[in-house]
Amino acid sequence: MVFKKITLIGTSPESFDAAADDALDRAEATIENIHWAEVSELGVEVASVEGREYQAEVEVAFHLEE
């Protein structure tokens, strides 16, 4: 089996969990054969947004079909 790994950044005004879910929801809607995901970094943008914007960097691995 061969896997490919990509990095996505999800965002949410609510929480880190919601930001990670945002990235995973988008991945599941556009990528087939997702095998696992890992949150690698968390951040909060406060400068250019009203309130806060939570960000989660998520690495997603999916199986490449033969």
PDB file of N, CA and C in Angstrom:
ATOM      1  N   MET A   1       0.843  -1.183   0.000  1.00  0.00           N
ATOM      2  CA  MET A   1       0.000   0.000   0.000  1.00  0.00           C
ATOM      3  C   MET A   1       0.888   1.246   0.000  1.00  0.00           C
ATOM      4  N   VAL A   2       0.434   2.243  -0.732  1.00  0.00           N
ATOM      5  CA  VAL A   2       1.123   3.531  -0.763  1.00  0.00           C
ATOM      6  C   VAL A   2       0.136   4.597  -0.332  1.00  0.00           C
ATOM      7  N   PHE A   3       0.604   5.493   0.528  1.00  0.00           N
ATOM      8  CA  PHE A   3      -0.232   6.579   1.023  1.00  0.00           C
ATOM      9  C   PHE A   3       0.356   7.920   0.599  1.00  0.00           C
ATOM     10  N   LYS A   4      -0.506   8.881   0.451  1.00  0.00           N
ATOM     11  CA  LYS A   4      -0.080  10.263   0.222  1.00  0.00           C
ATOM     12  C   LYS A   4      -0.558  11.076   1.413  1.00  0.00           C
ATOM     13  N   LYS A   5       0.263  12.029   1.845  1.00  0.00           N
ATOM     14  CA  LYS A   5      -0.097  12.854   2.993  1.00  0.00           C
ATOM     15  C   LYS A   5      -0.133  14.310   2.558  1.00  0.00           C
ATOM     16  N   ILE A   6      -1.201  15.014   2.952  1.00  0.00           N
ATOM     17  CA  ILE A   6      -1.336  16.440   2.659  1.00  0.00           C
ATOM     18  C   ILE A   6      -1.616  17.189   3.961  1.00  0.00           C
ATOM     19  N   THR A   7      -1.384  18.477   3.932  1.00  0.00           N
ATOM     20  CA  THR A   7      -1.639  19.312   5.097  1.00  0.00           C
ATOM     21  C   THR A   7      -2.762  20.281   4.775  1.00  0.00           C
ATOM     22  N   LEU A   8      -3.747  20.347   5.662  1.00  0.00           N
ATOM     23  CA  LEU A   8      -4.866  21.273   5.542  1.00  0.00           C
ATOM     24  C   LEU A   8      -4.913  22.140   6.792  1.00  0.00           C
ATOM     25  N   ILE A   9      -5.433  23.349   6.664  1.00  0.00           N
ATOM     26  CA  ILE A   9      -5.623  24.216   7.820  1.00  0.00           C
ATOM     27  C   ILE A   9      -7.099  24.565   7.912  1.00  0.00           C
ATOM     28  N   GLY A  10      -7.737  24.070   8.967  1.00  0.00           N
ATOM     29  CA  GLY A  10      -9.141  24.373   9.218  1.00  0.00           C
ATOM     30  C   GLY A  10      -9.249  25.575  10.136  1.00  0.00           C
ATOM     31  N   THR A  11     -10.350  26.298  10.018  1.00  0.00           N
ATOM     32  CA  THR A  11     -10.564  27.479  10.856  1.00  0.00           C
ATOM     33  C   THR A  11     -11.961  27.448  11.465  1.00  0.00           C
ATOM     34  N   SER A  12     -12.094  28.129  12.598  1.00  0.00           N
ATOM     35  CA  SER A  12     -13.387  28.240  13.268  1.00  0.00           C
ATOM     36  C   SER A  12     -13.352  29.403  14.254  1.00  0.00           C
ATOM     37  N   PRO A  13     -14.463  30.115  14.400  1.00  0.00           N
ATOM     38  CA  PRO A  13     -14.532  31.146  15.429  1.00  0.00           C
ATOM     39  C   PRO A  13     -14.856  30.553  16.805  1.00  0.00           C
ATOM     40  N   GLU A  14     -15.122  29.228  16.868  1.00  0.00           N
ATOM     41  CA  GLU A  14     -15.595  28.591  18.094  1.00  0.00           C
ATOM     42  C   GLU A  14     -14.491  27.944  18.936  1.00  0.00           C
ATOM     43  N   SER A  15     -13.665  27.056  18.311  1.00  0.00           N
ATOM     44  CA  SER A  15     -12.711  26.276  19.099  1.00  0.00           C
ATOM     45  C   SER A  15     -11.701  25.580  18.189  1.00  0.00           C
ATOM     46  N   PHE A  16     -10.641  25.042  18.818  1.00  0.00           N
ATOM     47  CA  PHE A  16      -9.670  24.244  18.076  1.00  0.00           C
ATOM     48  C   PHE A  16     -10.313  22.973  17.530  1.00  0.00           C
ATOM     49  N   ASP A  17     -11.172  22.345  18.328  1.00  0.00           N
ATOM     50  CA  ASP A  17     -11.858  21.129  17.869  1.00  0.00           C
ATOM     51  C   ASP A  17     -12.676  21.401  16.613  1.00  0.00           C
ATOM     52  N   ALA A  18     -13.397  22.497  16.614  1.00  0.00           N
ATOM     53  CA  ALA A  18     -14.212  22.846  15.454  1.00  0.00           C
ATOM     54  C   ALA A  18     -13.333  23.160  14.242  1.00  0.00           C
ATOM     55  N   ALA A  19     -12.164  23.762  14.462  1.00  0.00           N
ATOM     56  CA  ALA A  19     -11.240  24.047  13.367  1.00  0.00           C
ATOM     57  C   ALA A  19     -10.703  22.745  12.761  1.00  0.00           C
ATOM     58  N   ALA A  20     -10.349  21.780  13.608  1.00  0.00           N
ATOM     59  CA  ALA A  20      -9.887  20.480  13.115  1.00  0.00           C
ATOM     60  C   ALA A  20     -11.007  19.775  12.363  1.00  0.00           C
ATOM     61  N   ASP A  21     -12.219  19.827  12.886  1.00  0.00           N
ATOM     62  CA  ASP A  21     -13.375  19.232  12.203  1.00  0.00           C
ATOM     63  C   ASP A  21     -13.605  19.885  10.850  1.00  0.00           C
ATOM     64  N   ASP A  22     -13.393  21.191  10.753  1.00  0.00           N
ATOM     65  CA  ASP A  22     -13.548  21.913   9.491  1.00  0.00           C
ATOM     66  C   ASP A  22     -12.607  21.330   8.436  1.00  0.00           C
ATOM     67  N   ALA A  23     -11.353  21.129   8.804  1.00  0.00           N
ATOM     68  CA  ALA A  23     -10.381  20.560   7.868  1.00  0.00           C
ATOM     69  C   ALA A  23     -10.759  19.132   7.484  1.00  0.00           C
ATOM     70  N   LEU A  24     -11.151  18.322   8.465  1.00  0.00           N
ATOM     71  CA  LEU A  24     -11.517  16.929   8.174  1.00  0.00           C
ATOM     72  C   LEU A  24     -12.785  16.825   7.340  1.00  0.00           C
ATOM     73  N   ASP A  25     -13.765  17.680   7.621  1.00  0.00           N
ATOM     74  CA  ASP A  25     -15.000  17.675   6.822  1.00  0.00           C
ATOM     75  C   ASP A  25     -14.699  17.977   5.363  1.00  0.00           C
ATOM     76  N   ARG A  26     -13.829  18.962   5.122  1.00  0.00           N
ATOM     77  CA  ARG A  26     -13.471  19.310   3.740  1.00  0.00           C
ATOM     78  C   ARG A  26     -12.711  18.172   3.076  1.00  0.00           C
ATOM     79  N   ALA A  27     -11.797  17.558   3.821  1.00  0.00           N
ATOM     80  CA  ALA A  27     -11.036  16.435   3.272  1.00  0.00           C
ATOM     81  C   ALA A  27     -11.964  15.286   2.891  1.00  0.00           C
ATOM     82  N   GLU A  28     -12.891  14.938   3.775  1.00  0.00           N
ATOM     83  CA  GLU A  28     -13.809  13.831   3.502  1.00  0.00           C
ATOM     84  C   GLU A  28     -14.723  14.122   2.319  1.00  0.00           C
ATOM     85  N   ALA A  29     -15.020  15.389   2.069  1.00  0.00           N
ATOM     86  CA  ALA A  29     -15.892  15.760   0.954  1.00  0.00           C
ATOM     87  C   ALA A  29     -15.168  15.715  -0.392  1.00  0.00           C
ATOM     88  N   THR A  30     -13.834  15.779  -0.377  1.00  0.00           N
ATOM     89  CA  THR A  30     -13.104  15.897  -1.640  1.00  0.00           C
ATOM     90  C   THR A  30     -12.059  14.813  -1.886  1.00  0.00           C
ATOM     91  N   ILE A  31     -11.729  14.015  -0.869  1.00  0.00           N
ATOM     92  CA  ILE A  31     -10.671  13.007  -1.003  1.00  0.00           C
ATOM     93  C   ILE A  31     -11.227  11.633  -0.653  1.00  0.00           C
ATOM     94  N   GLU A  32     -10.903  10.650  -1.485  1.00  0.00           N
ATOM     95  CA  GLU A  32     -11.323   9.277  -1.207  1.00  0.00           C
ATOM     96  C   GLU A  32     -10.217   8.529  -0.479  1.00  0.00           C
ATOM     97  N   ASN A  33     -10.584   7.474   0.208  1.00  0.00           N
ATOM     98  CA  ASN A  33      -9.653   6.546   0.854  1.00  0.00           C
ATOM     99  C   ASN A  33      -8.826   7.168   1.977  1.00  0.00           C
ATOM    100  N   ILE A  34      -9.410   8.092   2.748  1.00  0.00           N
ATOM    101  CA  ILE A  34      -8.694   8.663   3.882  1.00  0.00           C
ATOM    102  C   ILE A  34      -8.464   7.565   4.911  1.00  0.00           C
ATOM    103  N   HIS A  35      -7.215   7.453   5.351  1.00  0.00           N
ATOM    104  CA  HIS A  35      -6.855   6.394   6.292  1.00  0.00           C
ATOM    105  C   HIS A  35      -6.671   6.929   7.707  1.00  0.00           C
ATOM    106  N   TRP A  36      -6.034   8.096   7.864  1.00  0.00           N
ATOM    107  CA  TRP A  36      -5.840   8.686   9.182  1.00  0.00           C
ATOM    108  C   TRP A  36      -5.598  10.185   9.053  1.00  0.00           C
ATOM    109  N   ALA A  37      -5.725  10.872  10.186  1.00  0.00           N
ATOM    110  CA  ALA A  37      -5.449  12.309  10.253  1.00  0.00           C
ATOM    111  C   ALA A  37      -4.776  12.609  11.576  1.00  0.00           C
ATOM    112  N   GLU A  38      -3.951  13.644  11.561  1.00  0.00           N
ATOM    113  CA  GLU A  38      -3.208  14.020  12.762  1.00  0.00           C
ATOM    114  C   GLU A  38      -3.149  15.542  12.848  1.00  0.00           C
ATOM    115  N   VAL A  39      -3.507  16.089  13.994  1.00  0.00           N
ATOM    116  CA  VAL A  39      -3.396  17.529  14.207  1.00  0.00           C
ATOM    117  C   VAL A  39      -1.947  17.820  14.570  1.00  0.00           C
ATOM    118  N   SER A  40      -1.289  18.673  13.771  1.00  0.00           N
ATOM    119  CA  SER A  40       0.132  18.926  14.009  1.00  0.00           C
ATOM    120  C   SER A  40       0.406  20.260  14.691  1.00  0.00           C
ATOM    121  N   GLU A  41      -0.452  21.265  14.468  1.00  0.00           N
ATOM    122  CA  GLU A  41      -0.248  22.564  15.104  1.00  0.00           C
ATOM    123  C   GLU A  41      -1.589  23.236  15.354  1.00  0.00           C
ATOM    124  N   LEU A  42      -1.616  24.080  16.372  1.00  0.00           N
ATOM    125  CA  LEU A  42      -2.794  24.883  16.683  1.00  0.00           C
ATOM    126  C   LEU A  42      -2.373  26.345  16.739  1.00  0.00           C
ATOM    127  N   GLY A  43      -3.263  27.248  16.342  1.00  0.00           N
ATOM    128  CA  GLY A  43      -2.966  28.672  16.400  1.00  0.00           C
ATOM    129  C   GLY A  43      -4.241  29.473  16.529  1.00  0.00           C
ATOM    130  N   VAL A  44      -4.107  30.723  16.945  1.00  0.00           N
ATOM    131  CA  VAL A  44      -5.245  31.626  17.069  1.00  0.00           C
ATOM    132  C   VAL A  44      -4.878  32.945  16.398  1.00  0.00           C
ATOM    133  N   GLU A  45      -5.700  33.362  15.452  1.00  0.00           N
ATOM    134  CA  GLU A  45      -5.508  34.663  14.822  1.00  0.00           C
ATOM    135  C   GLU A  45      -6.345  35.678  15.585  1.00  0.00           C
ATOM    136  N   VAL A  46      -5.717  36.760  15.994  1.00  0.00           N
ATOM    137  CA  VAL A  46      -6.437  37.785  16.754  1.00  0.00           C
ATOM    138  C   VAL A  46      -6.312  39.166  16.115  1.00  0.00           C
ATOM    139  N   ALA A  47      -5.359  39.361  15.214  1.00  0.00           N
ATOM    140  CA  ALA A  47      -5.055  40.693  14.691  1.00  0.00           C
ATOM    141  C   ALA A  47      -6.088  41.202  13.688  1.00  0.00           C
ATOM    142  N   SER A  48      -6.487  40.385  12.726  1.00  0.00           N
ATOM    143  CA  SER A  48      -7.314  40.902  11.638  1.00  0.00           C
ATOM    144  C   SER A  48      -8.749  40.388  11.664  1.00  0.00           C
ATOM    145  N   VAL A  49      -9.158  39.784  12.758  1.00  0.00           N
ATOM    146  CA  VAL A  49     -10.528  39.277  12.856  1.00  0.00           C
ATOM    147  C   VAL A  49     -11.180  39.833  14.110  1.00  0.00           C
ATOM    148  N   GLU A  50     -12.487  39.935  14.035  1.00  0.00           N
ATOM    149  CA  GLU A  50     -13.233  40.349  15.219  1.00  0.00           C
ATOM    150  C   GLU A  50     -13.340  39.148  16.138  1.00  0.00           C
ATOM    151  N   GLY A  51     -12.940  39.290  17.368  1.00  0.00           N
ATOM    152  CA  GLY A  51     -12.913  38.135  18.279  1.00  0.00           C
ATOM    153  C   GLY A  51     -11.674  37.315  17.996  1.00  0.00           C
ATOM    154  N   ARG A  52     -11.839  36.002  17.850  1.00  0.00           N
ATOM    155  CA  ARG A  52     -10.715  35.100  17.587  1.00  0.00           C
ATOM    156  C   ARG A  52     -11.066  34.150  16.458  1.00  0.00           C
ATOM    157  N   GLU A  53     -10.033  33.696  15.750  1.00  0.00           N
ATOM    158  CA  GLU A  53     -10.208  32.640  14.761  1.00  0.00           C
ATOM    159  C   GLU A  53      -9.237  31.521  15.112  1.00  0.00           C
ATOM    160  N   TYR A  54      -9.779  30.395  15.518  1.00  0.00           N
ATOM    161  CA  TYR A  54      -8.972  29.243  15.873  1.00  0.00           C
ATOM    162  C   TYR A  54      -8.555  28.512  14.598  1.00  0.00           C
ATOM    163  N   GLN A  55      -7.314  28.051  14.575  1.00  0.00           N
ATOM    164  CA  GLN A  55      -6.795  27.353  13.408  1.00  0.00           C
ATOM    165  C   GLN A  55      -6.165  26.037  13.841  1.00  0.00           C
ATOM    166  N   ALA A  56      -6.393  24.998  13.056  1.00  0.00           N
ATOM    167  CA  ALA A  56      -5.808  23.686  13.309  1.00  0.00           C
ATOM    168  C   ALA A  56      -5.164  23.187  12.019  1.00  0.00           C
ATOM    169  N   GLU A  57      -3.866  22.907  12.084  1.00  0.00           N
ATOM    170  CA  GLU A  57      -3.156  22.331  10.948  1.00  0.00           C
ATOM    171  C   GLU A  57      -3.285  20.817  11.056  1.00  0.00           C
ATOM    172  N   VAL A  58      -3.898  20.214  10.050  1.00  0.00           N
ATOM    173  CA  VAL A  58      -4.217  18.792  10.087  1.00  0.00           C
ATOM    174  C   VAL A  58      -3.530  18.086   8.920  1.00  0.00           C
ATOM    175  N   GLU A  59      -2.773  17.045   9.229  1.00  0.00           N
ATOM    176  CA  GLU A  59      -2.168  16.215   8.194  1.00  0.00           C
ATOM    177  C   GLU A  59      -3.099  15.039   7.939  1.00  0.00           C
ATOM    178  N   VAL A  60      -3.455  14.842   6.679  1.00  0.00           N
ATOM    179  CA  VAL A  60      -4.393  13.792   6.286  1.00  0.00           C
ATOM    180  C   VAL A  60      -3.669  12.834   5.349  1.00  0.00           C
ATOM    181  N   ALA A  61      -3.755  11.545   5.647  1.00  0.00           N
ATOM    182  CA  ALA A  61      -3.134  10.523   4.793  1.00  0.00           C
ATOM    183  C   ALA A  61      -4.234   9.714   4.135  1.00  0.00           C
ATOM    184  N   PHE A  62      -4.046   9.462   2.836  1.00  0.00           N
ATOM    185  CA  PHE A  62      -5.026   8.649   2.120  1.00  0.00           C
ATOM    186  C   PHE A  62      -4.319   7.640   1.243  1.00  0.00           C
ATOM    187  N   HIS A  63      -4.991   6.532   1.039  1.00  0.00           N
ATOM    188  CA  HIS A  63      -4.447   5.413   0.277  1.00  0.00           C
ATOM    189  C   HIS A  63      -4.555   5.728  -1.211  1.00  0.00           C
ATOM    190  N   LEU A  64      -3.433   5.561  -1.934  1.00  0.00           N
ATOM    191  CA  LEU A  64      -3.455   5.735  -3.382  1.00  0.00           C
ATOM    192  C   LEU A  64      -3.852   4.405  -4.022  1.00  0.00           C
ATOM    193  N   GLU A  65      -4.842   4.465  -4.878  1.00  0.00           N
ATOM    194  CA  GLU A  65      -5.285   3.246  -5.546  1.00  0.00           C
ATOM    195  C   GLU A  65      -4.266   2.827  -6.594  1.00  0.00           C
ATOM    196  N   GLU A  66      -4.183   1.549  -6.830  1.00  0.00           N
ATOM    197  CA  GLU A  66      -3.216   1.029  -7.806  1.00  0.00           C
ATOM    198  C   GLU A  66      -3.777   1.055  -9.192  1.00  0.00           C
TER     199      GLU A  66
END
